[in-house]
Amino acid sequence: MTEQRGTTVEHLALGVDHAAFPTFDPAGTVRFYRDVLGFPVVHSICAAGWGRERHPDFVHFFFDIGNDDRIAFFYYFGLEPVHRQPQGDVYAGFGPEVPGYFVDSRHLAIHVEGEDHLLEYRRRLDASDWPVEMQVKHETIESIYTHDPNGYMVEITRAMRPVTPQEDLDAELTVDALVEVAGGPEPSLAKLLTRKAELIVQRAAEWDARRTQEARS
């Protein structure tokens, strides 16, 4: 069960079935995901006459990225690239005035087990047409990043240590404060941290009561 402020919502999801994206380069996409990263093709759909009015014929194909999760792509026959912007991917184009950090904030992260596996994927990518662009350690994870043939940023990441229950609690406080601050005037990180501190004070008695009850049970 997932506890939220004021209600309890049962967690029924089992994870990601697949994330799907358009492609204008199916050959490059297959080379990147199947031949370089080693993700096998596990399903495909050839469709004629499906979908909305004037929907072109398409192929929908899937790669196994582990743990019964998949990444999938749509290739539409006869559809030309939808933009010619200097940044972004085949779906979303951005002009040169848009910061790169915003462009790359939308990305796919794939989890691997341990440093050895992360470095193996780095070796495969560096030997391909899509070498690693950066390798970063941040808080609890270490990641490598590149862009696939469609311009999508792909992250491969490994955990450096487990996430603690205290960090889960901190995340809940951060998000609750963010929701309030982002909905108000002139949101800022300083306002978020102030509101987060206020929430800690407000909820301290509730946490103490819960710990006392758990100790008695």
C-alpha atoms as a PDB file:
ATOM      1  CA  MET A   1       0.000   0.000   0.000  1.00  0.00           C
ATOM      2  CA  THR A   2       1.180   3.499  -0.792  1.00  0.00           C
ATOM      3  CA  GLU A   3       0.438   6.097   1.866  1.00  0.00           C
ATOM      4  CA  GLN A   4      -0.446   9.596   0.701  1.00  0.00           C
ATOM      5  CA  ARG A   5      -1.485  12.588   2.750  1.00  0.00           C
ATOM      6  CA  GLY A   6      -5.113  12.024   3.708  1.00  0.00           C
ATOM      7  CA  THR A   7      -5.681   8.783   1.797  1.00  0.00           C
ATOM      8  CA  THR A   8      -4.313   5.313   1.103  1.00  0.00           C
ATOM      9  CA  VAL A   9      -4.000   4.061  -2.477  1.00  0.00           C
ATOM     10  CA  GLU A  10      -3.276   0.421  -3.259  1.00  0.00           C
ATOM     11  CA  HIS A  11      -0.254  -0.118  -5.542  1.00  0.00           C
ATOM     12  CA  LEU A  12      -1.375  -2.506  -8.303  1.00  0.00           C
ATOM     13  CA  ALA A  13       1.142  -1.848 -11.094  1.00  0.00           C
ATOM     14  CA  LEU A  14       3.856  -4.389 -11.941  1.00  0.00           C
ATOM     15  CA  GLY A  15       6.278  -2.028 -13.668  1.00  0.00           C
ATOM     16  CA  VAL A  16       6.852  -0.804 -17.208  1.00  0.00           C
ATOM     17  CA  ASP A  17       5.407  -3.003 -19.956  1.00  0.00           C
ATOM     18  CA  HIS A  18       6.984  -0.813 -22.621  1.00  0.00           C
ATOM     19  CA  ALA A  19       7.874   2.762 -23.453  1.00  0.00           C
ATOM     20  CA  ALA A  20       7.214   3.660 -27.088  1.00  0.00           C
ATOM     21  CA  PHE A  21       8.734   6.282 -29.387  1.00  0.00           C
ATOM     22  CA  PRO A  22       8.605   7.170 -33.086  1.00  0.00           C
ATOM     23  CA  THR A  23      11.601   6.599 -35.357  1.00  0.00           C
ATOM     24  CA  PHE A  24      12.547   7.739 -38.847  1.00  0.00           C
ATOM     25  CA  ASP A  25      15.653   5.512 -38.826  1.00  0.00           C
ATOM     26  CA  PRO A  26      14.623   1.904 -38.166  1.00  0.00           C
ATOM     27  CA  ALA A  27      17.935   0.509 -39.428  1.00  0.00           C
ATOM     28  CA  GLY A  28      19.972   2.699 -37.066  1.00  0.00           C
ATOM     29  CA  THR A  29      17.576   1.957 -34.227  1.00  0.00           C
ATOM     30  CA  VAL A  30      18.013  -1.798 -34.680  1.00  0.00           C
ATOM     31  CA  ARG A  31      21.781  -1.436 -34.881  1.00  0.00           C
ATOM     32  CA  PHE A  32      21.882   0.619 -31.655  1.00  0.00           C
ATOM     33  CA  TYR A  33      19.531  -1.409 -29.459  1.00  0.00           C
ATOM     34  CA  ARG A  34      20.002  -4.950 -30.834  1.00  0.00           C
ATOM     35  CA  ASP A  35      23.507  -5.041 -32.293  1.00  0.00           C
ATOM     36  CA  VAL A  36      25.367  -2.641 -29.964  1.00  0.00           C
ATOM     37  CA  LEU A  37      23.518  -2.923 -26.640  1.00  0.00           C
ATOM     38  CA  GLY A  38      22.428  -6.528 -27.170  1.00  0.00           C
ATOM     39  CA  PHE A  39      18.697  -6.085 -26.543  1.00  0.00           C
ATOM     40  CA  PRO A  40      16.863  -8.766 -28.571  1.00  0.00           C
ATOM     41  CA  VAL A  41      13.822  -8.021 -30.714  1.00  0.00           C
ATOM     42  CA  VAL A  42      10.911  -9.750 -28.956  1.00  0.00           C
ATOM     43  CA  HIS A  43       7.758  -8.585 -30.709  1.00  0.00           C
ATOM     44  CA  SER A  44       6.567  -6.696 -33.754  1.00  0.00           C
ATOM     45  CA  ILE A  45       3.267  -5.577 -35.255  1.00  0.00           C
ATOM     46  CA  CYS A  46       2.772  -4.836 -38.962  1.00  0.00           C
ATOM     47  CA  ALA A  47      -0.336  -2.707 -39.262  1.00  0.00           C
ATOM     48  CA  ALA A  48      -2.320  -1.532 -42.272  1.00  0.00           C
ATOM     49  CA  GLY A  49      -5.355   0.696 -41.872  1.00  0.00           C
ATOM     50  CA  TRP A  50      -5.209   0.959 -38.096  1.00  0.00           C
ATOM     51  CA  GLY A  51      -5.749   4.039 -36.028  1.00  0.00           C
ATOM     52  CA  ARG A  52      -7.060   7.490 -36.789  1.00  0.00           C
ATOM     53  CA  GLU A  53      -8.254   8.791 -40.144  1.00  0.00           C
ATOM     54  CA  ARG A  54      -5.454   8.849 -42.761  1.00  0.00           C
ATOM     55  CA  HIS A  55      -3.239   6.810 -40.461  1.00  0.00           C
ATOM     56  CA  PRO A  56      -0.322   5.435 -42.546  1.00  0.00           C
ATOM     57  CA  ASP A  57       0.786   1.823 -42.472  1.00  0.00           C
ATOM     58  CA  PHE A  58       3.370   1.224 -39.751  1.00  0.00           C
ATOM     59  CA  VAL A  59       5.606  -1.288 -38.022  1.00  0.00           C
ATOM     60  CA  HIS A  60       5.691  -1.352 -34.217  1.00  0.00           C
ATOM     61  CA  PHE A  61       8.742  -3.271 -32.942  1.00  0.00           C
ATOM     62  CA  PHE A  62       9.946  -4.073 -29.425  1.00  0.00           C
ATOM     63  CA  PHE A  63      13.285  -4.746 -27.729  1.00  0.00           C
ATOM     64  CA  ASP A  64      13.713  -6.622 -24.434  1.00  0.00           C
ATOM     65  CA  ILE A  65      15.587  -4.352 -21.994  1.00  0.00           C
ATOM     66  CA  GLY A  66      15.435  -6.829 -19.091  1.00  0.00           C
ATOM     67  CA  ASN A  67      13.087  -7.705 -16.225  1.00  0.00           C
ATOM     68  CA  ASP A  68      10.179  -8.181 -18.678  1.00  0.00           C
ATOM     69  CA  ASP A  69      10.409  -4.497 -19.643  1.00  0.00           C
ATOM     70  CA  ARG A  70      10.589  -3.379 -23.263  1.00  0.00           C
ATOM     71  CA  ILE A  71      11.331  -0.335 -25.377  1.00  0.00           C
ATOM     72  CA  ALA A  72       9.341  -0.040 -28.583  1.00  0.00           C
ATOM     73  CA  PHE A  73       9.365   2.083 -31.733  1.00  0.00           C
ATOM     74  CA  PHE A  74       6.892   3.073 -34.425  1.00  0.00           C
ATOM     75  CA  TYR A  75       8.039   3.442 -38.029  1.00  0.00           C
ATOM     76  CA  TYR A  76       5.375   5.034 -40.259  1.00  0.00           C
ATOM     77  CA  PHE A  77       5.749   4.364 -43.973  1.00  0.00           C
ATOM     78  CA  GLY A  78       5.933   7.527 -46.056  1.00  0.00           C
ATOM     79  CA  LEU A  79       6.067   9.915 -43.095  1.00  0.00           C
ATOM     80  CA  GLU A  80       8.931  12.386 -43.356  1.00  0.00           C
ATOM     81  CA  PRO A  81      10.777  13.778 -40.310  1.00  0.00           C
ATOM     82  CA  VAL A  82       8.463  16.193 -38.544  1.00  0.00           C
ATOM     83  CA  HIS A  83      10.993  18.934 -37.803  1.00  0.00           C
ATOM     84  CA  ARG A  84      14.453  20.191 -38.705  1.00  0.00           C
ATOM     85  CA  GLN A  85      15.387  21.827 -35.423  1.00  0.00           C
ATOM     86  CA  PRO A  86      19.052  21.701 -34.366  1.00  0.00           C
ATOM     87  CA  GLN A  87      18.250  20.074 -30.999  1.00  0.00           C
ATOM     88  CA  GLY A  88      15.950  17.346 -29.776  1.00  0.00           C
ATOM     89  CA  ASP A  89      14.702  14.075 -31.161  1.00  0.00           C
ATOM     90  CA  VAL A  90      12.461  12.902 -33.963  1.00  0.00           C
ATOM     91  CA  TYR A  91       9.389  13.825 -31.940  1.00  0.00           C
ATOM     92  CA  ALA A  92      10.323  17.107 -30.270  1.00  0.00           C
ATOM     93  CA  GLY A  93      12.500  19.738 -31.886  1.00  0.00           C
ATOM     94  CA  PHE A  94      14.028  22.705 -30.108  1.00  0.00           C
ATOM     95  CA  GLY A  95      15.765  25.788 -31.391  1.00  0.00           C
ATOM     96  CA  PRO A  96      19.285  26.828 -30.409  1.00  0.00           C
ATOM     97  CA  GLU A  97      17.937  29.164 -27.727  1.00  0.00           C
ATOM     98  CA  VAL A  98      16.630  26.237 -25.614  1.00  0.00           C
ATOM     99  CA  PRO A  99      19.172  25.092 -22.973  1.00  0.00           C
ATOM    100  CA  GLY A 100      20.666  21.670 -23.555  1.00  0.00           C
ATOM    101  CA  TYR A 101      19.830  20.539 -20.012  1.00  0.00           C
ATOM    102  CA  PHE A 102      16.133  21.067 -20.798  1.00  0.00           C
ATOM    103  CA  VAL A 103      16.380  19.188 -24.087  1.00  0.00           C
ATOM    104  CA  ASP A 104      18.010  16.176 -22.402  1.00  0.00           C
ATOM    105  CA  SER A 105      15.780  16.155 -19.327  1.00  0.00           C
ATOM    106  CA  ARG A 106      13.486  13.777 -21.211  1.00  0.00           C
ATOM    107  CA  HIS A 107      15.402  10.516 -21.405  1.00  0.00           C
ATOM    108  CA  LEU A 108      15.239   6.766 -20.850  1.00  0.00           C
ATOM    109  CA  ALA A 109      17.269   5.244 -17.986  1.00  0.00           C
ATOM    110  CA  ILE A 110      18.049   1.517 -18.005  1.00  0.00           C
ATOM    111  CA  HIS A 111      19.274  -0.136 -14.800  1.00  0.00           C
ATOM    112  CA  VAL A 112      22.182  -2.601 -14.763  1.00  0.00           C
ATOM    113  CA  GLU A 113      23.723  -4.676 -11.987  1.00  0.00           C
ATOM    114  CA  GLY A 114      27.041  -3.334 -10.796  1.00  0.00           C
ATOM    115  CA  GLU A 115      30.041  -1.424 -12.081  1.00  0.00           C
ATOM    116  CA  ASP A 116      31.319  -4.247 -14.292  1.00  0.00           C
ATOM    117  CA  HIS A 117      28.105  -4.318 -16.317  1.00  0.00           C
ATOM    118  CA  LEU A 118      28.032  -0.528 -16.583  1.00  0.00           C
ATOM    119  CA  LEU A 119      31.583  -0.484 -17.929  1.00  0.00           C
ATOM    120  CA  GLU A 120      30.755  -3.275 -20.387  1.00  0.00           C
ATOM    121  CA  TYR A 121      27.989  -1.129 -21.849  1.00  0.00           C
ATOM    122  CA  ARG A 122      30.423   1.765 -21.967  1.00  0.00           C
ATOM    123  CA  ARG A 123      32.843  -0.428 -23.948  1.00  0.00           C
ATOM    124  CA  ARG A 124      30.118  -1.423 -26.420  1.00  0.00           C
ATOM    125  CA  LEU A 125      28.974   2.145 -26.939  1.00  0.00           C
ATOM    126  CA  ASP A 126      32.474   3.592 -27.253  1.00  0.00           C
ATOM    127  CA  ALA A 127      33.209   1.040 -29.994  1.00  0.00           C
ATOM    128  CA  SER A 128      30.045   2.034 -31.886  1.00  0.00           C
ATOM    129  CA  ASP A 129      28.740   5.071 -33.763  1.00  0.00           C
ATOM    130  CA  TRP A 130      27.168   6.276 -30.501  1.00  0.00           C
ATOM    131  CA  PRO A 131      30.005   6.673 -27.958  1.00  0.00           C
ATOM    132  CA  VAL A 132      29.352   7.646 -24.357  1.00  0.00           C
ATOM    133  CA  GLU A 133      28.985  11.410 -23.996  1.00  0.00           C
ATOM    134  CA  MET A 134      29.399  11.604 -20.226  1.00  0.00           C
ATOM    135  CA  GLN A 135      29.809   9.396 -17.161  1.00  0.00           C
ATOM    136  CA  VAL A 136      28.540  10.830 -13.882  1.00  0.00           C
ATOM    137  CA  LYS A 137      28.232   9.758 -10.236  1.00  0.00           C
ATOM    138  CA  HIS A 138      25.316  11.488  -8.539  1.00  0.00           C
ATOM    139  CA  GLU A 139      24.094  10.692  -5.038  1.00  0.00           C
ATOM    140  CA  THR A 140      23.162   7.000  -5.097  1.00  0.00           C
ATOM    141  CA  ILE A 141      23.823   6.068  -8.755  1.00  0.00           C
ATOM    142  CA  GLU A 142      26.484   6.130 -11.467  1.00  0.00           C
ATOM    143  CA  SER A 143      25.373   6.621 -15.073  1.00  0.00           C
ATOM    144  CA  ILE A 144      26.624   6.783 -18.635  1.00  0.00           C
ATOM    145  CA  TYR A 145      24.774   8.776 -21.285  1.00  0.00           C
ATOM    146  CA  THR A 146      24.525   8.858 -25.044  1.00  0.00           C
ATOM    147  CA  HIS A 147      21.950   9.678 -27.728  1.00  0.00           C
ATOM    148  CA  ASP A 148      20.442   6.946 -29.874  1.00  0.00           C
ATOM    149  CA  PRO A 149      20.018   7.286 -33.673  1.00  0.00           C
ATOM    150  CA  ASN A 150      16.713   9.110 -33.145  1.00  0.00           C
ATOM    151  CA  GLY A 151      18.160  11.784 -30.873  1.00  0.00           C
ATOM    152  CA  TYR A 152      16.703  10.297 -27.687  1.00  0.00           C
ATOM    153  CA  MET A 153      19.002  10.499 -24.696  1.00  0.00           C
ATOM    154  CA  VAL A 154      19.659   7.051 -23.202  1.00  0.00           C
ATOM    155  CA  GLU A 155      21.076   6.589 -19.715  1.00  0.00           C
ATOM    156  CA  ILE A 156      22.493   3.324 -18.387  1.00  0.00           C
ATOM    157  CA  THR A 157      22.782   3.405 -14.622  1.00  0.00           C
ATOM    158  CA  ARG A 158      23.885   1.287 -11.670  1.00  0.00           C
ATOM    159  CA  ALA A 159      23.187   1.729  -7.961  1.00  0.00           C
ATOM    160  CA  MET A 160      26.209   2.609  -5.825  1.00  0.00           C
ATOM    161  CA  ARG A 161      24.299   1.812  -2.634  1.00  0.00           C
ATOM    162  CA  PRO A 162      20.722   1.082  -1.522  1.00  0.00           C
ATOM    163  CA  VAL A 163      18.295   3.948  -1.015  1.00  0.00           C
ATOM    164  CA  THR A 164      17.474   4.230   2.693  1.00  0.00           C
ATOM    165  CA  PRO A 165      14.014   4.635   4.277  1.00  0.00           C
ATOM    166  CA  GLN A 166      15.156   8.067   5.456  1.00  0.00           C
ATOM    167  CA  GLU A 167      15.777   9.074   1.837  1.00  0.00           C
ATOM    168  CA  ASP A 168      12.323   7.806   0.875  1.00  0.00           C
ATOM    169  CA  LEU A 169      10.849  10.017   3.594  1.00  0.00           C
ATOM    170  CA  ASP A 170      12.935  12.949   2.410  1.00  0.00           C
ATOM    171  CA  ALA A 171      11.639  12.428  -1.123  1.00  0.00           C
ATOM    172  CA  GLU A 172       8.031  12.489   0.101  1.00  0.00           C
ATOM    173  CA  LEU A 173       8.650  15.760   1.953  1.00  0.00           C
ATOM    174  CA  THR A 174      10.409  17.276  -1.057  1.00  0.00           C
ATOM    175  CA  VAL A 175       7.605  16.397  -3.464  1.00  0.00           C
ATOM    176  CA  ASP A 176       4.870  17.587  -1.097  1.00  0.00           C
ATOM    177  CA  ALA A 177       6.680  20.903  -0.711  1.00  0.00           C
ATOM    178  CA  LEU A 178       7.269  21.143  -4.466  1.00  0.00           C
ATOM    179  CA  VAL A 179       3.584  20.667  -5.270  1.00  0.00           C
ATOM    180  CA  GLU A 180       2.651  23.523  -2.951  1.00  0.00           C
ATOM    181  CA  VAL A 181       5.436  25.912  -3.991  1.00  0.00           C
ATOM    182  CA  ALA A 182       5.175  25.285  -7.741  1.00  0.00           C
ATOM    183  CA  GLY A 183       1.467  26.145  -7.574  1.00  0.00           C
ATOM    184  CA  GLY A 184       2.125  29.491  -5.921  1.00  0.00           C
ATOM    185  CA  PRO A 185       3.682  32.766  -7.031  1.00  0.00           C
ATOM    186  CA  GLU A 186       7.361  32.915  -8.070  1.00  0.00           C
ATOM    187  CA  PRO A 187       8.401  29.365  -7.143  1.00  0.00           C
ATOM    188  CA  SER A 188      12.044  28.879  -6.147  1.00  0.00           C
ATOM    189  CA  LEU A 189      14.303  26.319  -4.521  1.00  0.00           C
ATOM    190  CA  ALA A 190      14.616  28.564  -1.470  1.00  0.00           C
ATOM    191  CA  LYS A 191      10.832  28.572  -1.027  1.00  0.00           C
ATOM    192  CA  LEU A 192      10.733  24.806  -1.464  1.00  0.00           C
ATOM    193  CA  LEU A 193      13.353  24.250   1.245  1.00  0.00           C
ATOM    194  CA  THR A 194      11.540  26.614   3.592  1.00  0.00           C
ATOM    195  CA  ARG A 195       8.233  24.836   3.070  1.00  0.00           C
ATOM    196  CA  LYS A 196       9.943  21.460   3.486  1.00  0.00           C
ATOM    197  CA  ALA A 197      11.309  22.547   6.870  1.00  0.00           C
ATOM    198  CA  GLU A 198       7.817  23.638   7.883  1.00  0.00           C
ATOM    199  CA  LEU A 199       6.410  20.239   6.907  1.00  0.00           C
ATOM    200  CA  ILE A 200       9.057  18.485   8.998  1.00  0.00           C
ATOM    201  CA  VAL A 201       7.990  20.499  12.045  1.00  0.00           C
ATOM    202  CA  GLN A 202       4.298  19.881  11.339  1.00  0.00           C
ATOM    203  CA  ARG A 203       4.706  16.127  10.942  1.00  0.00           C
ATOM    204  CA  ALA A 204       7.216  15.482  13.728  1.00  0.00           C
ATOM    205  CA  ALA A 205       4.489  14.693  16.291  1.00  0.00           C
ATOM    206  CA  GLU A 206       2.843  12.264  13.863  1.00  0.00           C
ATOM    207  CA  TRP A 207       6.142  10.435  13.323  1.00  0.00           C
ATOM    208  CA  ASP A 208       6.808  10.237  17.072  1.00  0.00           C
ATOM    209  CA  ALA A 209       3.358   8.791  17.690  1.00  0.00           C
ATOM    210  CA  ARG A 210       3.873   6.213  14.956  1.00  0.00           C
ATOM    211  CA  ARG A 211       7.250   5.141  16.346  1.00  0.00           C
ATOM    212  CA  THR A 212       5.745   4.800  19.833  1.00  0.00           C
ATOM    213  CA  GLN A 213       2.910   2.663  18.486  1.00  0.00           C
ATOM    214  CA  GLU A 214       5.321   0.445  16.544  1.00  0.00           C
ATOM    215  CA  ALA A 215       7.505   0.001  19.623  1.00  0.00           C
ATOM    216  CA  ARG A 216       4.510  -1.160  21.667  1.00  0.00           C
ATOM    217  CA  SER A 217       3.243  -3.599  19.047  1.00  0.00           C
END
